[in-house]
Amino acid sequence: MKNPRFPLLSSLSKFWRIVGWLVTVLGLIIMVLFLMFGLMEGHLRQQELLGVMVGGILFIVGLGQVALGEIVGVFFAIESNTRRTADLLAAESQEPPPAGD
């Protein structure tokens, strides 16, 4: 979500999401590759186990980055809805009261 009031934060949010998805996919690829290498040999050696753990950590860190970027988008939506509600309430309070019978 692009917010003209906060252009730097909007760009950072997009950056966090892109980097987060890249790290998530990289972690998943590393986990699968090291798991496949270990299973081809019939057992997981220390190197393969370490590779699976590193891939898992990258996967979790990447999802955290994506979530951080999404949280910024949620804050933008809250700010937009709050501003719109305040504008509607201000316009409503400026209308003349309805004429009574």
N, C-alpha and C. Protein backbone atom coordinates (compact mmCIF):
# COMPACT_ATOMS: atom_id res chain seq x y z
N MET A 1 0.84 -1.17 0.00
CA MET A 1 0.00 0.00 0.00
C MET A 1 0.89 1.23 0.00
N LYS A 2 0.73 2.05 -1.01
CA LYS A 2 1.52 3.27 -1.12
C LYS A 2 0.81 4.39 -0.39
N ASN A 3 1.48 5.00 0.56
CA ASN A 3 0.90 6.09 1.34
C ASN A 3 1.67 7.36 1.01
N PRO A 4 1.02 8.36 0.38
CA PRO A 4 1.74 9.58 -0.01
C PRO A 4 2.22 10.40 1.18
N ARG A 5 1.61 10.20 2.34
CA ARG A 5 2.05 10.95 3.52
C ARG A 5 3.35 10.40 4.10
N PHE A 6 3.63 9.13 3.84
CA PHE A 6 4.81 8.47 4.39
C PHE A 6 5.54 7.71 3.28
N PRO A 7 6.17 8.40 2.35
CA PRO A 7 6.77 7.70 1.20
C PRO A 7 7.95 6.80 1.58
N LEU A 8 8.77 7.22 2.53
CA LEU A 8 9.92 6.40 2.92
C LEU A 8 9.44 5.11 3.61
N LEU A 9 8.49 5.24 4.50
CA LEU A 9 7.98 4.07 5.20
C LEU A 9 7.26 3.12 4.23
N SER A 10 6.58 3.67 3.24
CA SER A 10 5.95 2.84 2.22
C SER A 10 6.99 2.04 1.44
N SER A 11 8.08 2.70 1.08
CA SER A 11 9.14 2.01 0.35
C SER A 11 9.82 0.95 1.21
N LEU A 12 10.05 1.28 2.48
CA LEU A 12 10.66 0.30 3.38
C LEU A 12 9.76 -0.92 3.57
N SER A 13 8.46 -0.69 3.65
CA SER A 13 7.52 -1.79 3.80
C SER A 13 7.59 -2.72 2.59
N LYS A 14 7.61 -2.15 1.41
CA LYS A 14 7.71 -2.97 0.20
C LYS A 14 9.05 -3.71 0.16
N PHE A 15 10.13 -3.02 0.54
CA PHE A 15 11.46 -3.64 0.57
C PHE A 15 11.48 -4.82 1.53
N TRP A 16 10.92 -4.63 2.76
CA TRP A 16 10.90 -5.71 3.75
C TRP A 16 10.14 -6.92 3.23
N ARG A 17 9.03 -6.67 2.55
CA ARG A 17 8.25 -7.79 2.02
C ARG A 17 8.99 -8.53 0.92
N ILE A 18 9.63 -7.80 0.02
CA ILE A 18 10.37 -8.43 -1.08
C ILE A 18 11.55 -9.24 -0.53
N VAL A 19 12.35 -8.61 0.33
CA VAL A 19 13.50 -9.31 0.91
C VAL A 19 13.02 -10.49 1.75
N GLY A 20 11.94 -10.31 2.48
CA GLY A 20 11.41 -11.39 3.29
C GLY A 20 11.01 -12.60 2.47
N TRP A 21 10.34 -12.37 1.34
CA TRP A 21 9.96 -13.51 0.49
C TRP A 21 11.18 -14.17 -0.13
N LEU A 22 12.18 -13.36 -0.51
CA LEU A 22 13.40 -13.95 -1.07
C LEU A 22 14.12 -14.82 -0.04
N VAL A 23 14.23 -14.32 1.18
CA VAL A 23 14.90 -15.09 2.25
C VAL A 23 14.09 -16.34 2.58
N THR A 24 12.76 -16.23 2.58
CA THR A 24 11.91 -17.38 2.86
C THR A 24 12.11 -18.47 1.82
N VAL A 25 12.08 -18.08 0.55
CA VAL A 25 12.27 -19.06 -0.53
C VAL A 25 13.67 -19.65 -0.48
N LEU A 26 14.68 -18.82 -0.24
CA LEU A 26 16.04 -19.32 -0.13
C LEU A 26 16.17 -20.32 1.01
N GLY A 27 15.59 -20.02 2.16
CA GLY A 27 15.63 -20.93 3.29
C GLY A 27 14.95 -22.25 2.98
N LEU A 28 13.82 -22.19 2.28
CA LEU A 28 13.11 -23.42 1.91
C LEU A 28 13.94 -24.25 0.95
N ILE A 29 14.57 -23.60 -0.02
CA ILE A 29 15.41 -24.32 -0.98
C ILE A 29 16.59 -24.99 -0.27
N ILE A 30 17.24 -24.25 0.63
CA ILE A 30 18.38 -24.80 1.36
C ILE A 30 17.94 -26.00 2.20
N MET A 31 16.80 -25.88 2.88
CA MET A 31 16.31 -26.99 3.70
C MET A 31 16.06 -28.23 2.85
N VAL A 32 15.37 -28.05 1.73
CA VAL A 32 15.03 -29.19 0.87
C VAL A 32 16.29 -29.83 0.29
N LEU A 33 17.22 -29.01 -0.20
CA LEU A 33 18.44 -29.56 -0.79
C LEU A 33 19.25 -30.37 0.21
N PHE A 34 19.48 -29.81 1.40
CA PHE A 34 20.28 -30.53 2.38
C PHE A 34 19.55 -31.77 2.89
N LEU A 35 18.23 -31.70 2.97
CA LEU A 35 17.46 -32.87 3.38
C LEU A 35 17.54 -33.96 2.31
N MET A 36 17.48 -33.57 1.03
CA MET A 36 17.60 -34.54 -0.06
C MET A 36 18.99 -35.17 -0.08
N PHE A 37 20.04 -34.35 0.09
CA PHE A 37 21.40 -34.88 0.11
C PHE A 37 21.56 -35.89 1.23
N GLY A 38 21.01 -35.58 2.38
CA GLY A 38 21.12 -36.48 3.52
C GLY A 38 20.34 -37.77 3.31
N LEU A 39 19.16 -37.67 2.73
CA LEU A 39 18.34 -38.87 2.52
C LEU A 39 18.88 -39.74 1.40
N MET A 40 19.61 -39.15 0.46
CA MET A 40 20.23 -39.96 -0.59
C MET A 40 21.28 -40.90 -0.02
N GLU A 41 21.95 -40.44 1.02
CA GLU A 41 22.97 -41.27 1.66
C GLU A 41 22.37 -42.22 2.69
N GLY A 42 21.11 -42.06 2.99
CA GLY A 42 20.46 -42.96 3.92
C GLY A 42 20.40 -42.44 5.35
N HIS A 43 21.17 -41.42 5.67
CA HIS A 43 21.16 -40.84 7.01
C HIS A 43 21.65 -39.40 6.93
N LEU A 44 21.25 -38.60 7.90
CA LEU A 44 21.68 -37.20 7.95
C LEU A 44 22.97 -37.09 8.74
N ARG A 45 24.01 -36.59 8.08
CA ARG A 45 25.25 -36.32 8.79
C ARG A 45 25.14 -34.95 9.43
N GLN A 46 26.16 -34.58 10.14
CA GLN A 46 26.15 -33.30 10.85
C GLN A 46 26.04 -32.13 9.87
N GLN A 47 26.72 -32.23 8.71
CA GLN A 47 26.68 -31.14 7.73
C GLN A 47 25.27 -30.96 7.17
N GLU A 48 24.61 -32.07 6.84
CA GLU A 48 23.26 -31.96 6.30
C GLU A 48 22.29 -31.43 7.35
N LEU A 49 22.45 -31.90 8.57
CA LEU A 49 21.58 -31.43 9.65
C LEU A 49 21.76 -29.93 9.89
N LEU A 50 23.00 -29.49 9.84
CA LEU A 50 23.28 -28.07 10.00
C LEU A 50 22.66 -27.27 8.85
N GLY A 51 22.75 -27.79 7.64
CA GLY A 51 22.15 -27.12 6.49
C GLY A 51 20.64 -27.02 6.61
N VAL A 52 20.00 -28.08 7.09
CA VAL A 52 18.55 -28.05 7.30
C VAL A 52 18.19 -27.01 8.37
N MET A 53 18.99 -26.96 9.43
CA MET A 53 18.72 -25.98 10.50
C MET A 53 18.90 -24.55 10.02
N VAL A 54 19.95 -24.30 9.25
CA VAL A 54 20.18 -22.95 8.71
C VAL A 54 19.04 -22.57 7.76
N GLY A 55 18.62 -23.50 6.92
CA GLY A 55 17.50 -23.24 6.02
C GLY A 55 16.23 -22.93 6.79
N GLY A 56 15.99 -23.66 7.87
CA GLY A 56 14.81 -23.42 8.70
C GLY A 56 14.85 -22.06 9.36
N ILE A 57 16.03 -21.67 9.84
CA ILE A 57 16.17 -20.35 10.47
C ILE A 57 15.94 -19.25 9.43
N LEU A 58 16.51 -19.42 8.24
CA LEU A 58 16.28 -18.43 7.18
C LEU A 58 14.80 -18.34 6.82
N PHE A 59 14.13 -19.49 6.77
CA PHE A 59 12.71 -19.53 6.47
C PHE A 59 11.92 -18.72 7.50
N ILE A 60 12.20 -18.94 8.77
CA ILE A 60 11.48 -18.23 9.84
C ILE A 60 11.81 -16.74 9.83
N VAL A 61 13.07 -16.39 9.64
CA VAL A 61 13.47 -14.98 9.59
C VAL A 61 12.80 -14.28 8.39
N GLY A 62 12.73 -14.97 7.26
CA GLY A 62 12.09 -14.40 6.08
C GLY A 62 10.61 -14.13 6.32
N LEU A 63 9.93 -15.09 6.97
CA LEU A 63 8.52 -14.87 7.28
C LEU A 63 8.34 -13.70 8.24
N GLY A 64 9.28 -13.53 9.16
CA GLY A 64 9.24 -12.39 10.07
C GLY A 64 9.38 -11.07 9.32
N GLN A 65 10.27 -11.05 8.32
CA GLN A 65 10.43 -9.84 7.50
C GLN A 65 9.15 -9.52 6.73
N VAL A 66 8.52 -10.55 6.16
CA VAL A 66 7.27 -10.34 5.44
C VAL A 66 6.22 -9.79 6.39
N ALA A 67 6.13 -10.36 7.58
CA ALA A 67 5.15 -9.90 8.56
C ALA A 67 5.40 -8.45 8.96
N LEU A 68 6.66 -8.07 9.10
CA LEU A 68 6.99 -6.69 9.44
C LEU A 68 6.50 -5.73 8.36
N GLY A 69 6.74 -6.09 7.10
CA GLY A 69 6.24 -5.26 6.01
C GLY A 69 4.73 -5.19 5.99
N GLU A 70 4.05 -6.30 6.29
CA GLU A 70 2.59 -6.31 6.32
C GLU A 70 2.05 -5.48 7.47
N ILE A 71 2.73 -5.49 8.62
CA ILE A 71 2.28 -4.70 9.77
C ILE A 71 2.27 -3.22 9.43
N VAL A 72 3.28 -2.76 8.71
CA VAL A 72 3.32 -1.36 8.29
C VAL A 72 2.10 -1.06 7.41
N GLY A 73 1.74 -1.99 6.52
CA GLY A 73 0.54 -1.81 5.69
C GLY A 73 -0.73 -1.74 6.52
N VAL A 74 -0.80 -2.53 7.58
CA VAL A 74 -1.96 -2.48 8.47
C VAL A 74 -2.05 -1.13 9.15
N PHE A 75 -0.93 -0.60 9.60
CA PHE A 75 -0.93 0.73 10.22
C PHE A 75 -1.38 1.80 9.23
N PHE A 76 -0.98 1.67 7.98
CA PHE A 76 -1.43 2.62 6.96
C PHE A 76 -2.94 2.53 6.78
N ALA A 77 -3.50 1.33 6.78
CA ALA A 77 -4.94 1.16 6.62
C ALA A 77 -5.69 1.75 7.82
N ILE A 78 -5.16 1.54 9.02
CA ILE A 78 -5.78 2.12 10.22
C ILE A 78 -5.76 3.64 10.14
N GLU A 79 -4.63 4.20 9.73
CA GLU A 79 -4.51 5.66 9.62
C GLU A 79 -5.49 6.20 8.58
N SER A 80 -5.61 5.53 7.47
CA SER A 80 -6.52 5.96 6.41
C SER A 80 -7.97 5.91 6.87
N ASN A 81 -8.35 4.81 7.54
CA ASN A 81 -9.72 4.69 8.03
C ASN A 81 -10.03 5.72 9.11
N THR A 82 -9.06 5.99 9.97
CA THR A 82 -9.25 6.99 11.03
C THR A 82 -9.42 8.38 10.42
N ARG A 83 -8.60 8.70 9.43
CA ARG A 83 -8.70 10.00 8.78
C ARG A 83 -10.05 10.16 8.07
N ARG A 84 -10.48 9.10 7.37
CA ARG A 84 -11.76 9.15 6.66
C ARG A 84 -12.92 9.32 7.63
N THR A 85 -12.89 8.61 8.74
CA THR A 85 -13.94 8.73 9.75
C THR A 85 -13.96 10.13 10.35
N ALA A 86 -12.79 10.69 10.65
CA ALA A 86 -12.73 12.04 11.20
C ALA A 86 -13.28 13.05 10.20
N ASP A 87 -12.97 12.90 8.92
CA ASP A 87 -13.50 13.81 7.90
C ASP A 87 -15.02 13.70 7.80
N LEU A 88 -15.55 12.48 7.85
CA LEU A 88 -17.00 12.30 7.78
C LEU A 88 -17.69 12.89 9.00
N LEU A 89 -17.11 12.70 10.17
CA LEU A 89 -17.70 13.27 11.38
C LEU A 89 -17.64 14.79 11.36
N ALA A 90 -16.56 15.35 10.84
CA ALA A 90 -16.45 16.81 10.75
C ALA A 90 -17.47 17.36 9.77
N ALA A 91 -17.67 16.68 8.65
CA ALA A 91 -18.66 17.14 7.67
C ALA A 91 -20.07 17.01 8.23
N GLU A 92 -20.31 15.96 9.00
CA GLU A 92 -21.64 15.76 9.59
C GLU A 92 -21.95 16.82 10.63
N SER A 93 -20.98 17.24 11.40
CA SER A 93 -21.23 18.24 12.44
C SER A 93 -21.42 19.63 11.84
N GLN A 94 -21.03 19.85 10.59
CA GLN A 94 -21.21 21.15 9.96
C GLN A 94 -22.55 21.29 9.26
N GLU A 95 -23.29 20.20 9.10
CA GLU A 95 -24.59 20.26 8.46
C GLU A 95 -25.58 20.90 9.39
N PRO A 96 -26.52 21.69 8.85
CA PRO A 96 -27.53 22.29 9.74
C PRO A 96 -28.46 21.21 10.28
N PRO A 97 -28.96 21.39 11.48
CA PRO A 97 -29.85 20.40 12.05
C PRO A 97 -31.14 20.30 11.24
N PRO A 98 -31.77 19.13 11.21
CA PRO A 98 -33.02 19.00 10.43
C PRO A 98 -34.13 19.83 11.08
N ALA A 99 -34.99 20.36 10.23
CA ALA A 99 -36.13 21.18 10.73
C ALA A 99 -37.14 20.26 11.39
N GLY A 100 -37.63 20.69 12.55
CA GLY A 100 -38.61 19.88 13.30
C GLY A 100 -40.03 20.25 12.90
N ASP A 101 -40.97 19.39 13.24
CA ASP A 101 -42.38 19.64 12.91
C ASP A 101 -43.01 20.57 13.88
